[in-house]
Amino acid sequence: MLQLNGTVLMPSVLTLIGIPGLESLQFWIGIPFCAMYIVSLCGNFLILVIIKSERSLHEPMCLFLAMLGATDITLSTCMLPKMLGIFWFHLREIYFDACLFQMWLIHTFQCIESGVLLAMALDRYVAICDPLRHATIFTHKLVTQIGVGVTLRAGLLVALCLILIKCRLKHYRTTVVSHSYCEHMAIVKLAAEDVRVNRISGLFVAFSILGFDIMAIILSYIRIFVTVFNLPQKEARLKAFNTCIAHICVFLEFYLLGFFSFFTHRFGFHIPSYIHILLSNLYLLVPPLLNPIVYGVKTKQIRDRVYKIFHSTDVS
């Protein structure tokens, strides 16, 4: 790589330092992170196998749940193996283009997860507010189109950030990334050039996808709650509300963690950097861990199937 006036011209290799300030503890921090990853992989794979094998689960909500599980598996796999390599084996170097690719994958699958959560909210909205038309509206063809749409939306908009980094940022003050994975703002902060356009592009993608999705989900649930509370029978209200509990829990865990991490990273200047990094890591690890547990507990068909699998194993 070419050195010029104290800056590096288009570095070929970057160095990820992990969690700045906690380097001596990274080996031990990697243990619970690895355990969370293994549990999330097993839980999401189990959900996918159950949904695929049970024809009664081939309904829109469960198909969206399968998309969520596949997204969670890919999202956590994009970052944790490299992170554990840093924590346990001091494999800190990463090619610049590979780092940008990891950044694109992580942020793309974050946005895909947000889109799937929006689709699940709209499915519950139609199922509760217009139940007679639910089967005709949410067909398998529409579910497929939604899956393709949220994937293309995420991939193309996040690619905008990657293109701006490649085209506008040529000189870098350092090649050391103060993070445990390739996050957009962590890469942008390395540049010696004016990075306002790149910062704005990141905010644009965040708010155009996550901001739009969260507003649409909130509006859907306002309408759902109004419909539920207007139902004449208490049993009907409880049944309708119970179908939404799992999605509400998943929705809260994803967006609350995400916005807490986002705002502390950009406005919590007095907060130690290792807190920012830990929050970012947990934001990518906690939802994949909890989602299959929440849906496994709250979805009767999945709960019964899991019981049968482990019960038959115990008997044998």
C-alpha atoms as a PDB file:
ATOM      1  CA  MET A   1       0.000   0.000   0.000  1.00  0.00           C
ATOM      2  CA  LEU A   2       1.252   3.488  -0.882  1.00  0.00           C
ATOM      3  CA  GLN A   3       2.074   5.981   1.898  1.00  0.00           C
ATOM      4  CA  LEU A   4       1.438   9.642   1.007  1.00  0.00           C
ATOM      5  CA  ASN A   5       1.715  12.646   3.372  1.00  0.00           C
ATOM      6  CA  GLY A   6       1.070  10.500   6.413  1.00  0.00           C
ATOM      7  CA  THR A   7      -1.968   8.824   4.842  1.00  0.00           C
ATOM      8  CA  VAL A   8      -2.457   5.463   3.162  1.00  0.00           C
ATOM      9  CA  LEU A   9      -3.685   5.395  -0.429  1.00  0.00           C
ATOM     10  CA  MET A  10      -6.351   2.695  -0.865  1.00  0.00           C
ATOM     11  CA  PRO A  11      -5.105   0.163   1.710  1.00  0.00           C
ATOM     12  CA  SER A  12      -5.198  -3.467   0.687  1.00  0.00           C
ATOM     13  CA  VAL A  13      -5.410  -4.792   4.251  1.00  0.00           C
ATOM     14  CA  LEU A  14      -7.158  -3.514   7.392  1.00  0.00           C
ATOM     15  CA  THR A  15      -6.655  -4.540  11.014  1.00  0.00           C
ATOM     16  CA  LEU A  16      -9.634  -5.201  13.272  1.00  0.00           C
ATOM     17  CA  ILE A  17      -8.649  -4.768  16.911  1.00  0.00           C
ATOM     18  CA  GLY A  18     -11.792  -6.311  18.403  1.00  0.00           C
ATOM     19  CA  ILE A  19     -13.122  -4.481  21.453  1.00  0.00           C
ATOM     20  CA  PRO A  20     -10.849  -1.501  22.224  1.00  0.00           C
ATOM     21  CA  GLY A  21     -10.055  -1.290  25.916  1.00  0.00           C
ATOM     22  CA  LEU A  22     -10.943  -4.921  26.588  1.00  0.00           C
ATOM     23  CA  GLU A  23      -8.209  -6.657  24.586  1.00  0.00           C
ATOM     24  CA  SER A  24      -7.037  -8.636  27.616  1.00  0.00           C
ATOM     25  CA  LEU A  25     -10.569  -9.983  28.205  1.00  0.00           C
ATOM     26  CA  GLN A  26     -11.478 -10.773  24.617  1.00  0.00           C
ATOM     27  CA  PHE A  27     -10.650 -14.478  24.972  1.00  0.00           C
ATOM     28  CA  TRP A  28     -13.244 -14.826  27.756  1.00  0.00           C
ATOM     29  CA  ILE A  29     -15.792 -12.568  26.048  1.00  0.00           C
ATOM     30  CA  GLY A  30     -15.629 -14.876  23.036  1.00  0.00           C
ATOM     31  CA  ILE A  31     -16.911 -17.841  25.072  1.00  0.00           C
ATOM     32  CA  PRO A  32     -20.462 -16.528  25.760  1.00  0.00           C
ATOM     33  CA  PHE A  33     -20.560 -15.058  22.243  1.00  0.00           C
ATOM     34  CA  CYS A  34     -19.732 -18.476  20.800  1.00  0.00           C
ATOM     35  CA  ALA A  35     -22.363 -20.136  23.029  1.00  0.00           C
ATOM     36  CA  MET A  36     -24.991 -17.629  21.858  1.00  0.00           C
ATOM     37  CA  TYR A  37     -24.035 -18.316  18.241  1.00  0.00           C
ATOM     38  CA  ILE A  38     -24.293 -22.105  18.623  1.00  0.00           C
ATOM     39  CA  VAL A  39     -27.677 -21.877  20.384  1.00  0.00           C
ATOM     40  CA  SER A  40     -29.008 -19.474  17.728  1.00  0.00           C
ATOM     41  CA  LEU A  41     -27.821 -21.761  14.916  1.00  0.00           C
ATOM     42  CA  CYS A  42     -29.449 -24.822  16.486  1.00  0.00           C
ATOM     43  CA  GLY A  43     -32.687 -22.982  17.267  1.00  0.00           C
ATOM     44  CA  ASN A  44     -33.084 -21.410  13.834  1.00  0.00           C
ATOM     45  CA  PHE A  45     -32.149 -24.602  11.974  1.00  0.00           C
ATOM     46  CA  LEU A  46     -34.701 -26.489  14.075  1.00  0.00           C
ATOM     47  CA  ILE A  47     -37.382 -23.919  13.203  1.00  0.00           C
ATOM     48  CA  LEU A  48     -36.538 -24.224   9.501  1.00  0.00           C
ATOM     49  CA  VAL A  49     -36.649 -28.041   9.576  1.00  0.00           C
ATOM     50  CA  ILE A  50     -39.991 -28.069  11.423  1.00  0.00           C
ATOM     51  CA  ILE A  51     -41.612 -25.572   9.061  1.00  0.00           C
ATOM     52  CA  LYS A  52     -40.337 -27.461   6.011  1.00  0.00           C
ATOM     53  CA  SER A  53     -41.516 -30.851   7.271  1.00  0.00           C
ATOM     54  CA  GLU A  54     -44.942 -29.799   8.591  1.00  0.00           C
ATOM     55  CA  ARG A  55     -47.399 -28.975   5.799  1.00  0.00           C
ATOM     56  CA  SER A  56     -49.757 -27.365   8.323  1.00  0.00           C
ATOM     57  CA  LEU A  57     -47.067 -24.726   8.888  1.00  0.00           C
ATOM     58  CA  HIS A  58     -46.890 -23.714   5.217  1.00  0.00           C
ATOM     59  CA  GLU A  59     -48.898 -20.587   5.914  1.00  0.00           C
ATOM     60  CA  PRO A  60     -47.720 -16.976   5.414  1.00  0.00           C
ATOM     61  CA  MET A  61     -46.792 -16.258   9.040  1.00  0.00           C
ATOM     62  CA  CYS A  62     -44.667 -19.404   9.329  1.00  0.00           C
ATOM     63  CA  LEU A  63     -43.078 -18.802   5.927  1.00  0.00           C
ATOM     64  CA  PHE A  64     -42.078 -15.334   7.105  1.00  0.00           C
ATOM     65  CA  LEU A  65     -40.731 -16.961  10.262  1.00  0.00           C
ATOM     66  CA  ALA A  66     -38.624 -19.270   8.076  1.00  0.00           C
ATOM     67  CA  MET A  67     -37.270 -16.208   6.231  1.00  0.00           C
ATOM     68  CA  LEU A  68     -36.466 -14.637   9.600  1.00  0.00           C
ATOM     69  CA  GLY A  69     -34.646 -17.783  10.724  1.00  0.00           C
ATOM     70  CA  ALA A  70     -32.595 -17.995   7.521  1.00  0.00           C
ATOM     71  CA  THR A  71     -31.740 -14.300   7.808  1.00  0.00           C
ATOM     72  CA  ASP A  72     -30.654 -14.716  11.450  1.00  0.00           C
ATOM     73  CA  ILE A  73     -28.409 -17.664  10.580  1.00  0.00           C
ATOM     74  CA  THR A  74     -26.709 -15.739   7.787  1.00  0.00           C
ATOM     75  CA  LEU A  75     -26.431 -12.488   9.729  1.00  0.00           C
ATOM     76  CA  SER A  76     -24.700 -14.014  12.743  1.00  0.00           C
ATOM     77  CA  THR A  77     -22.465 -16.173  10.518  1.00  0.00           C
ATOM     78  CA  CYS A  78     -21.302 -13.103   8.590  1.00  0.00           C
ATOM     79  CA  MET A  79     -19.595 -11.649  11.635  1.00  0.00           C
ATOM     80  CA  LEU A  80     -19.039 -14.113  14.464  1.00  0.00           C
ATOM     81  CA  PRO A  81     -16.472 -16.562  12.982  1.00  0.00           C
ATOM     82  CA  LYS A  82     -14.157 -13.659  12.094  1.00  0.00           C
ATOM     83  CA  MET A  83     -14.814 -12.068  15.496  1.00  0.00           C
ATOM     84  CA  LEU A  84     -13.856 -15.272  17.290  1.00  0.00           C
ATOM     85  CA  GLY A  85     -10.741 -15.446  15.122  1.00  0.00           C
ATOM     86  CA  ILE A  86      -9.791 -12.018  16.486  1.00  0.00           C
ATOM     87  CA  PHE A  87     -10.643 -12.878  20.086  1.00  0.00           C
ATOM     88  CA  TRP A  88      -9.089 -16.341  20.260  1.00  0.00           C
ATOM     89  CA  PHE A  89      -6.416 -16.595  17.555  1.00  0.00           C
ATOM     90  CA  HIS A  90      -5.390 -12.931  17.009  1.00  0.00           C
ATOM     91  CA  LEU A  91      -6.366 -13.140  13.315  1.00  0.00           C
ATOM     92  CA  ARG A  92      -6.919  -9.417  13.037  1.00  0.00           C
ATOM     93  CA  GLU A  93      -6.060  -8.697   9.426  1.00  0.00           C
ATOM     94  CA  ILE A  94      -8.712  -8.623   6.735  1.00  0.00           C
ATOM     95  CA  TYR A  95      -8.467  -7.619   3.091  1.00  0.00           C
ATOM     96  CA  PHE A  96     -10.038  -4.232   2.400  1.00  0.00           C
ATOM     97  CA  ASP A  97     -12.444  -5.595  -0.220  1.00  0.00           C
ATOM     98  CA  ALA A  98     -13.356  -8.514   2.057  1.00  0.00           C
ATOM     99  CA  CYS A  99     -14.060  -6.004   4.825  1.00  0.00           C
ATOM    100  CA  LEU A 100     -16.390  -4.027   2.539  1.00  0.00           C
ATOM    101  CA  PHE A 101     -18.101  -7.262   1.529  1.00  0.00           C
ATOM    102  CA  GLN A 102     -18.621  -8.202   5.188  1.00  0.00           C
ATOM    103  CA  MET A 103     -20.014  -4.713   5.828  1.00  0.00           C
ATOM    104  CA  TRP A 104     -22.414  -5.096   2.914  1.00  0.00           C
ATOM    105  CA  LEU A 105     -23.571  -8.536   4.081  1.00  0.00           C
ATOM    106  CA  ILE A 106     -24.134  -7.494   7.701  1.00  0.00           C
ATOM    107  CA  HIS A 107     -26.073  -4.324   6.936  1.00  0.00           C
ATOM    108  CA  THR A 108     -27.997  -5.982   4.108  1.00  0.00           C
ATOM    109  CA  PHE A 109     -29.240  -8.792   6.331  1.00  0.00           C
ATOM    110  CA  GLN A 110     -30.070  -6.332   9.105  1.00  0.00           C
ATOM    111  CA  CYS A 111     -32.306  -4.508   6.614  1.00  0.00           C
ATOM    112  CA  ILE A 112     -33.774  -7.787   5.327  1.00  0.00           C
ATOM    113  CA  GLU A 113     -34.711  -8.731   8.887  1.00  0.00           C
ATOM    114  CA  SER A 114     -36.415  -5.376   9.299  1.00  0.00           C
ATOM    115  CA  GLY A 115     -38.353  -5.952   6.074  1.00  0.00           C
ATOM    116  CA  VAL A 116     -39.448  -9.418   7.177  1.00  0.00           C
ATOM    117  CA  LEU A 117     -40.678  -8.009  10.503  1.00  0.00           C
ATOM    118  CA  LEU A 118     -42.719  -5.445   8.550  1.00  0.00           C
ATOM    119  CA  ALA A 119     -44.182  -8.218   6.381  1.00  0.00           C
ATOM    120  CA  MET A 120     -45.134 -10.179   9.510  1.00  0.00           C
ATOM    121  CA  ALA A 121     -46.847  -7.093  10.949  1.00  0.00           C
ATOM    122  CA  LEU A 122     -48.842  -6.601   7.728  1.00  0.00           C
ATOM    123  CA  ASP A 123     -49.793 -10.290   7.773  1.00  0.00           C
ATOM    124  CA  ARG A 124     -51.165  -9.916  11.326  1.00  0.00           C
ATOM    125  CA  TYR A 125     -52.927  -6.691  10.301  1.00  0.00           C
ATOM    126  CA  VAL A 126     -54.820  -8.415   7.471  1.00  0.00           C
ATOM    127  CA  ALA A 127     -55.464 -11.578   9.536  1.00  0.00           C
ATOM    128  CA  ILE A 128     -57.090  -9.586  12.362  1.00  0.00           C
ATOM    129  CA  CYS A 129     -58.598  -6.565  10.615  1.00  0.00           C
ATOM    130  CA  ASP A 130     -59.767  -8.292   7.413  1.00  0.00           C
ATOM    131  CA  PRO A 131     -59.724 -12.050   8.162  1.00  0.00           C
ATOM    132  CA  LEU A 132     -62.066 -13.070   5.318  1.00  0.00           C
ATOM    133  CA  ARG A 133     -59.626 -11.761   2.712  1.00  0.00           C
ATOM    134  CA  HIS A 134     -56.407 -12.945   4.379  1.00  0.00           C
ATOM    135  CA  ALA A 135     -56.126 -16.174   2.374  1.00  0.00           C
ATOM    136  CA  THR A 136     -56.734 -14.401  -0.934  1.00  0.00           C
ATOM    137  CA  ILE A 137     -54.323 -11.542  -0.197  1.00  0.00           C
ATOM    138  CA  PHE A 138     -51.388 -13.391   1.388  1.00  0.00           C
ATOM    139  CA  THR A 139     -50.882 -16.119  -1.188  1.00  0.00           C
ATOM    140  CA  HIS A 140     -47.638 -18.055  -1.544  1.00  0.00           C
ATOM    141  CA  LYS A 141     -46.885 -15.974  -4.645  1.00  0.00           C
ATOM    142  CA  LEU A 142     -47.175 -12.733  -2.658  1.00  0.00           C
ATOM    143  CA  VAL A 143     -45.016 -14.136   0.148  1.00  0.00           C
ATOM    144  CA  THR A 144     -42.325 -14.990  -2.425  1.00  0.00           C
ATOM    145  CA  GLN A 145     -42.574 -11.537  -3.987  1.00  0.00           C
ATOM    146  CA  ILE A 146     -42.238  -9.904  -0.566  1.00  0.00           C
ATOM    147  CA  GLY A 147     -39.142 -11.997   0.184  1.00  0.00           C
ATOM    148  CA  VAL A 148     -37.533 -11.003  -3.116  1.00  0.00           C
ATOM    149  CA  GLY A 149     -38.574  -7.368  -2.660  1.00  0.00           C
ATOM    150  CA  VAL A 150     -37.129  -6.884   0.834  1.00  0.00           C
ATOM    151  CA  THR A 151     -33.906  -8.605  -0.279  1.00  0.00           C
ATOM    152  CA  LEU A 152     -33.458  -6.381  -3.344  1.00  0.00           C
ATOM    153  CA  ARG A 153     -34.371  -3.248  -1.392  1.00  0.00           C
ATOM    154  CA  ALA A 154     -31.770  -3.998   1.275  1.00  0.00           C
ATOM    155  CA  GLY A 155     -29.017  -5.138  -1.076  1.00  0.00           C
ATOM    156  CA  LEU A 156     -29.287  -2.179  -3.452  1.00  0.00           C
ATOM    157  CA  LEU A 157     -29.568   0.554  -0.816  1.00  0.00           C
ATOM    158  CA  VAL A 158     -26.689  -0.804   1.285  1.00  0.00           C
ATOM    159  CA  ALA A 159     -24.617  -1.144  -1.900  1.00  0.00           C
ATOM    160  CA  LEU A 160     -24.907   2.658  -2.209  1.00  0.00           C
ATOM    161  CA  CYS A 161     -22.779   3.038   0.936  1.00  0.00           C
ATOM    162  CA  LEU A 162     -20.206   0.572  -0.387  1.00  0.00           C
ATOM    163  CA  ILE A 163     -19.968   2.356  -3.762  1.00  0.00           C
ATOM    164  CA  LEU A 164     -19.466   5.736  -2.082  1.00  0.00           C
ATOM    165  CA  ILE A 165     -16.661   4.330   0.063  1.00  0.00           C
ATOM    166  CA  LYS A 166     -14.904   2.839  -2.976  1.00  0.00           C
ATOM    167  CA  CYS A 167     -15.350   5.893  -5.193  1.00  0.00           C
ATOM    168  CA  ARG A 168     -14.946   8.844  -2.788  1.00  0.00           C
ATOM    169  CA  LEU A 169     -12.579   7.675  -0.062  1.00  0.00           C
ATOM    170  CA  LYS A 170      -9.051   7.251  -1.404  1.00  0.00           C
ATOM    171  CA  HIS A 171      -6.803   8.313   1.477  1.00  0.00           C
ATOM    172  CA  TYR A 172      -6.904   6.799   4.967  1.00  0.00           C
ATOM    173  CA  ARG A 173      -5.319   8.147   8.143  1.00  0.00           C
ATOM    174  CA  THR A 174      -4.953   4.619   9.543  1.00  0.00           C
ATOM    175  CA  THR A 175      -5.698   1.032   8.619  1.00  0.00           C
ATOM    176  CA  VAL A 176      -6.644   0.043  12.173  1.00  0.00           C
ATOM    177  CA  VAL A 177     -10.417  -0.432  12.634  1.00  0.00           C
ATOM    178  CA  SER A 178     -11.582   0.119  16.221  1.00  0.00           C
ATOM    179  CA  HIS A 179     -14.279  -2.508  15.967  1.00  0.00           C
ATOM    180  CA  SER A 180     -14.750  -6.277  16.039  1.00  0.00           C
ATOM    181  CA  TYR A 181     -16.364  -6.396  12.572  1.00  0.00           C
ATOM    182  CA  CYS A 182     -16.538  -4.161   9.510  1.00  0.00           C
ATOM    183  CA  GLU A 183     -19.221  -1.630  10.405  1.00  0.00           C
ATOM    184  CA  HIS A 184     -20.013   1.271   8.068  1.00  0.00           C
ATOM    185  CA  MET A 185     -19.152   4.202  10.341  1.00  0.00           C
ATOM    186  CA  ALA A 186     -16.046   2.440  11.685  1.00  0.00           C
ATOM    187  CA  ILE A 187     -14.695   2.220   8.115  1.00  0.00           C
ATOM    188  CA  VAL A 188     -15.724   5.758   7.154  1.00  0.00           C
ATOM    189  CA  LYS A 189     -13.948   7.233  10.196  1.00  0.00           C
ATOM    190  CA  LEU A 190     -10.616   5.903   8.905  1.00  0.00           C
ATOM    191  CA  ALA A 191     -10.694   8.193   5.866  1.00  0.00           C
ATOM    192  CA  ALA A 192      -8.702  11.407   5.609  1.00  0.00           C
ATOM    193  CA  GLU A 193     -11.209  12.993   3.205  1.00  0.00           C
ATOM    194  CA  ASP A 194     -14.419  14.802   4.051  1.00  0.00           C
ATOM    195  CA  VAL A 195     -16.800  11.979   4.978  1.00  0.00           C
ATOM    196  CA  ARG A 196     -20.034  13.952   5.294  1.00  0.00           C
ATOM    197  CA  VAL A 197     -21.519  12.398   2.153  1.00  0.00           C
ATOM    198  CA  ASN A 198     -20.716   8.911   3.407  1.00  0.00           C
ATOM    199  CA  ARG A 199     -22.186   9.665   6.843  1.00  0.00           C
ATOM    200  CA  ILE A 200     -25.330  11.042   5.235  1.00  0.00           C
ATOM    201  CA  SER A 201     -25.627   7.987   2.974  1.00  0.00           C
ATOM    202  CA  GLY A 202     -25.465   5.711   6.025  1.00  0.00           C
ATOM    203  CA  LEU A 203     -28.136   7.731   7.798  1.00  0.00           C
ATOM    204  CA  PHE A 204     -30.257   7.767   4.636  1.00  0.00           C
ATOM    205  CA  VAL A 205     -30.150   3.971   4.344  1.00  0.00           C
ATOM    206  CA  ALA A 206     -30.847   3.524   8.070  1.00  0.00           C
ATOM    207  CA  PHE A 207     -33.844   5.814   8.148  1.00  0.00           C
ATOM    208  CA  SER A 208     -35.228   4.983   4.692  1.00  0.00           C
ATOM    209  CA  ILE A 209     -35.369   1.280   5.616  1.00  0.00           C
ATOM    210  CA  LEU A 210     -35.431   0.917   9.397  1.00  0.00           C
ATOM    211  CA  GLY A 211     -37.249   4.212   9.963  1.00  0.00           C
ATOM    212  CA  PHE A 212     -39.908   3.451   7.358  1.00  0.00           C
ATOM    213  CA  ASP A 213     -40.349  -0.109   8.599  1.00  0.00           C
ATOM    214  CA  ILE A 214     -40.736   0.802  12.247  1.00  0.00           C
ATOM    215  CA  MET A 215     -43.299   3.516  11.467  1.00  0.00           C
ATOM    216  CA  ALA A 216     -45.302   1.125   9.264  1.00  0.00           C
ATOM    217  CA  ILE A 217     -45.192  -1.578  11.973  1.00  0.00           C
ATOM    218  CA  ILE A 218     -46.337   0.865  14.661  1.00  0.00           C
ATOM    219  CA  LEU A 219     -49.216   2.084  12.474  1.00  0.00           C
ATOM    220  CA  SER A 220     -50.213  -1.533  11.725  1.00  0.00           C
ATOM    221  CA  TYR A 221     -50.326  -2.384  15.414  1.00  0.00           C
ATOM    222  CA  ILE A 222     -52.275   0.739  16.295  1.00  0.00           C
ATOM    223  CA  ARG A 223     -54.906  -0.401  13.810  1.00  0.00           C
ATOM    224  CA  ILE A 224     -54.715  -3.980  15.137  1.00  0.00           C
ATOM    225  CA  PHE A 225     -55.183  -2.883  18.751  1.00  0.00           C
ATOM    226  CA  VAL A 226     -58.158  -0.707  17.827  1.00  0.00           C
ATOM    227  CA  THR A 227     -59.771  -3.670  16.057  1.00  0.00           C
ATOM    228  CA  VAL A 228     -58.996  -6.089  18.902  1.00  0.00           C
ATOM    229  CA  PHE A 229     -60.381  -3.825  21.625  1.00  0.00           C
ATOM    230  CA  ASN A 230     -63.586  -3.360  19.623  1.00  0.00           C
ATOM    231  CA  LEU A 231     -64.264  -7.097  19.471  1.00  0.00           C
ATOM    232  CA  PRO A 232     -67.423  -7.895  21.455  1.00  0.00           C
ATOM    233  CA  GLN A 233     -66.222 -11.080  23.165  1.00  0.00           C
ATOM    234  CA  LYS A 234     -63.379 -11.177  25.673  1.00  0.00           C
ATOM    235  CA  GLU A 235     -62.242 -14.619  24.455  1.00  0.00           C
ATOM    236  CA  ALA A 236     -61.984 -13.324  20.894  1.00  0.00           C
ATOM    237  CA  ARG A 237     -59.918 -10.332  22.070  1.00  0.00           C
ATOM    238  CA  LEU A 238     -57.534 -12.563  24.014  1.00  0.00           C
ATOM    239  CA  LYS A 239     -57.142 -14.979  21.095  1.00  0.00           C
ATOM    240  CA  ALA A 240     -56.463 -12.168  18.619  1.00  0.00           C
ATOM    241  CA  PHE A 241     -53.969 -10.481  20.931  1.00  0.00           C
ATOM    242  CA  ASN A 242     -52.226 -13.780  21.682  1.00  0.00           C
ATOM    243  CA  THR A 243     -51.439 -14.271  17.982  1.00  0.00           C
ATOM    244  CA  CYS A 244     -49.450 -10.998  18.053  1.00  0.00           C
ATOM    245  CA  ILE A 245     -47.459 -11.447  21.276  1.00  0.00           C
ATOM    246  CA  ALA A 246     -44.533 -13.309  19.718  1.00  0.00           C
ATOM    247  CA  HIS A 247     -44.145 -10.787  16.915  1.00  0.00           C
ATOM    248  CA  ILE A 248     -44.355  -7.858  19.341  1.00  0.00           C
ATOM    249  CA  CYS A 249     -41.571  -9.396  21.469  1.00  0.00           C
ATOM    250  CA  VAL A 250     -39.350  -9.959  18.412  1.00  0.00           C
ATOM    251  CA  PHE A 251     -40.147  -6.479  17.104  1.00  0.00           C
ATOM    252  CA  LEU A 252     -39.193  -4.842  20.416  1.00  0.00           C
ATOM    253  CA  GLU A 253     -35.970  -6.787  20.900  1.00  0.00           C
ATOM    254  CA  PHE A 254     -34.747  -6.009  17.361  1.00  0.00           C
ATOM    255  CA  TYR A 255     -35.590  -2.314  17.183  1.00  0.00           C
ATOM    256  CA  LEU A 256     -34.899  -1.362  20.811  1.00  0.00           C
ATOM    257  CA  LEU A 257     -31.445  -2.937  20.683  1.00  0.00           C
ATOM    258  CA  GLY A 258     -30.853  -1.419  17.259  1.00  0.00           C
ATOM    259  CA  PHE A 259     -31.833   2.135  18.115  1.00  0.00           C
ATOM    260  CA  PHE A 260     -30.093   2.010  21.498  1.00  0.00           C
ATOM    261  CA  SER A 261     -26.881   0.906  19.757  1.00  0.00           C
ATOM    262  CA  PHE A 262     -27.352   3.483  16.981  1.00  0.00           C
ATOM    263  CA  PHE A 263     -27.902   6.488  19.251  1.00  0.00           C
ATOM    264  CA  THR A 264     -25.193   5.607  21.773  1.00  0.00           C
ATOM    265  CA  HIS A 265     -22.729   5.118  18.901  1.00  0.00           C
ATOM    266  CA  ARG A 266     -23.479   8.512  17.328  1.00  0.00           C
ATOM    267  CA  PHE A 267     -24.402  10.707  20.289  1.00  0.00           C
ATOM    268  CA  GLY A 268     -22.970   9.021  23.377  1.00  0.00           C
ATOM    269  CA  PHE A 269     -19.537  10.597  23.066  1.00  0.00           C
ATOM    270  CA  HIS A 270     -18.916  10.317  26.820  1.00  0.00           C
ATOM    271  CA  ILE A 271     -19.596   6.559  26.798  1.00  0.00           C
ATOM    272  CA  PRO A 272     -16.468   4.361  26.571  1.00  0.00           C
ATOM    273  CA  SER A 273     -15.874   2.891  23.109  1.00  0.00           C
ATOM    274  CA  TYR A 274     -15.987  -0.690  24.379  1.00  0.00           C
ATOM    275  CA  ILE A 275     -19.617  -0.108  25.422  1.00  0.00           C
ATOM    276  CA  HIS A 276     -20.441   0.939  21.856  1.00  0.00           C
ATOM    277  CA  ILE A 277     -18.750  -2.155  20.429  1.00  0.00           C
ATOM    278  CA  LEU A 278     -20.368  -4.544  22.915  1.00  0.00           C
ATOM    279  CA  LEU A 279     -23.812  -3.086  22.143  1.00  0.00           C
ATOM    280  CA  SER A 280     -23.190  -3.458  18.412  1.00  0.00           C
ATOM    281  CA  ASN A 281     -22.157  -7.089  18.909  1.00  0.00           C
ATOM    282  CA  LEU A 282     -25.173  -7.874  21.082  1.00  0.00           C
ATOM    283  CA  TYR A 283     -27.463  -6.225  18.518  1.00  0.00           C
ATOM    284  CA  LEU A 284     -26.314  -8.814  15.976  1.00  0.00           C
ATOM    285  CA  LEU A 285     -26.293 -11.790  18.372  1.00  0.00           C
ATOM    286  CA  VAL A 286     -29.312 -11.391  20.658  1.00  0.00           C
ATOM    287  CA  PRO A 287     -32.170 -11.380  18.076  1.00  0.00           C
ATOM    288  CA  PRO A 288     -30.948 -14.588  16.336  1.00  0.00           C
ATOM    289  CA  LEU A 289     -30.694 -16.179  19.801  1.00  0.00           C
ATOM    290  CA  LEU A 290     -34.111 -15.109  21.091  1.00  0.00           C
ATOM    291  CA  ASN A 291     -36.269 -15.269  17.946  1.00  0.00           C
ATOM    292  CA  PRO A 292     -36.528 -19.088  17.717  1.00  0.00           C
ATOM    293  CA  ILE A 293     -37.089 -19.293  21.489  1.00  0.00           C
ATOM    294  CA  VAL A 294     -39.911 -16.734  21.398  1.00  0.00           C
ATOM    295  CA  TYR A 295     -41.653 -18.328  18.427  1.00  0.00           C
ATOM    296  CA  GLY A 296     -40.992 -21.829  19.708  1.00  0.00           C
ATOM    297  CA  VAL A 297     -42.761 -20.989  22.970  1.00  0.00           C
ATOM    298  CA  LYS A 298     -45.640 -18.973  21.513  1.00  0.00           C
ATOM    299  CA  THR A 299     -46.451 -21.030  18.374  1.00  0.00           C
ATOM    300  CA  LYS A 300     -48.350 -24.156  19.405  1.00  0.00           C
ATOM    301  CA  GLN A 301     -47.613 -26.202  16.267  1.00  0.00           C
ATOM    302  CA  ILE A 302     -43.870 -25.553  16.580  1.00  0.00           C
ATOM    303  CA  ARG A 303     -43.923 -26.169  20.334  1.00  0.00           C
ATOM    304  CA  ASP A 304     -45.731 -29.500  19.894  1.00  0.00           C
ATOM    305  CA  ARG A 305     -43.375 -30.579  17.115  1.00  0.00           C
ATOM    306  CA  VAL A 306     -40.295 -29.756  19.205  1.00  0.00           C
ATOM    307  CA  TYR A 307     -41.779 -31.715  22.107  1.00  0.00           C
ATOM    308  CA  LYS A 308     -42.353 -34.723  19.843  1.00  0.00           C
ATOM    309  CA  ILE A 309     -38.779 -34.590  18.520  1.00  0.00           C
ATOM    310  CA  PHE A 310     -37.151 -34.508  21.955  1.00  0.00           C
ATOM    311  CA  HIS A 311     -39.696 -36.888  23.502  1.00  0.00           C
ATOM    312  CA  SER A 312     -39.074 -39.514  20.818  1.00  0.00           C
ATOM    313  CA  THR A 313     -35.314 -39.055  21.349  1.00  0.00           C
ATOM    314  CA  ASP A 314     -35.681 -39.636  25.093  1.00  0.00           C
ATOM    315  CA  VAL A 315     -37.791 -42.756  24.533  1.00  0.00           C
ATOM    316  CA  SER A 316     -35.309 -44.251  22.092  1.00  0.00           C
END
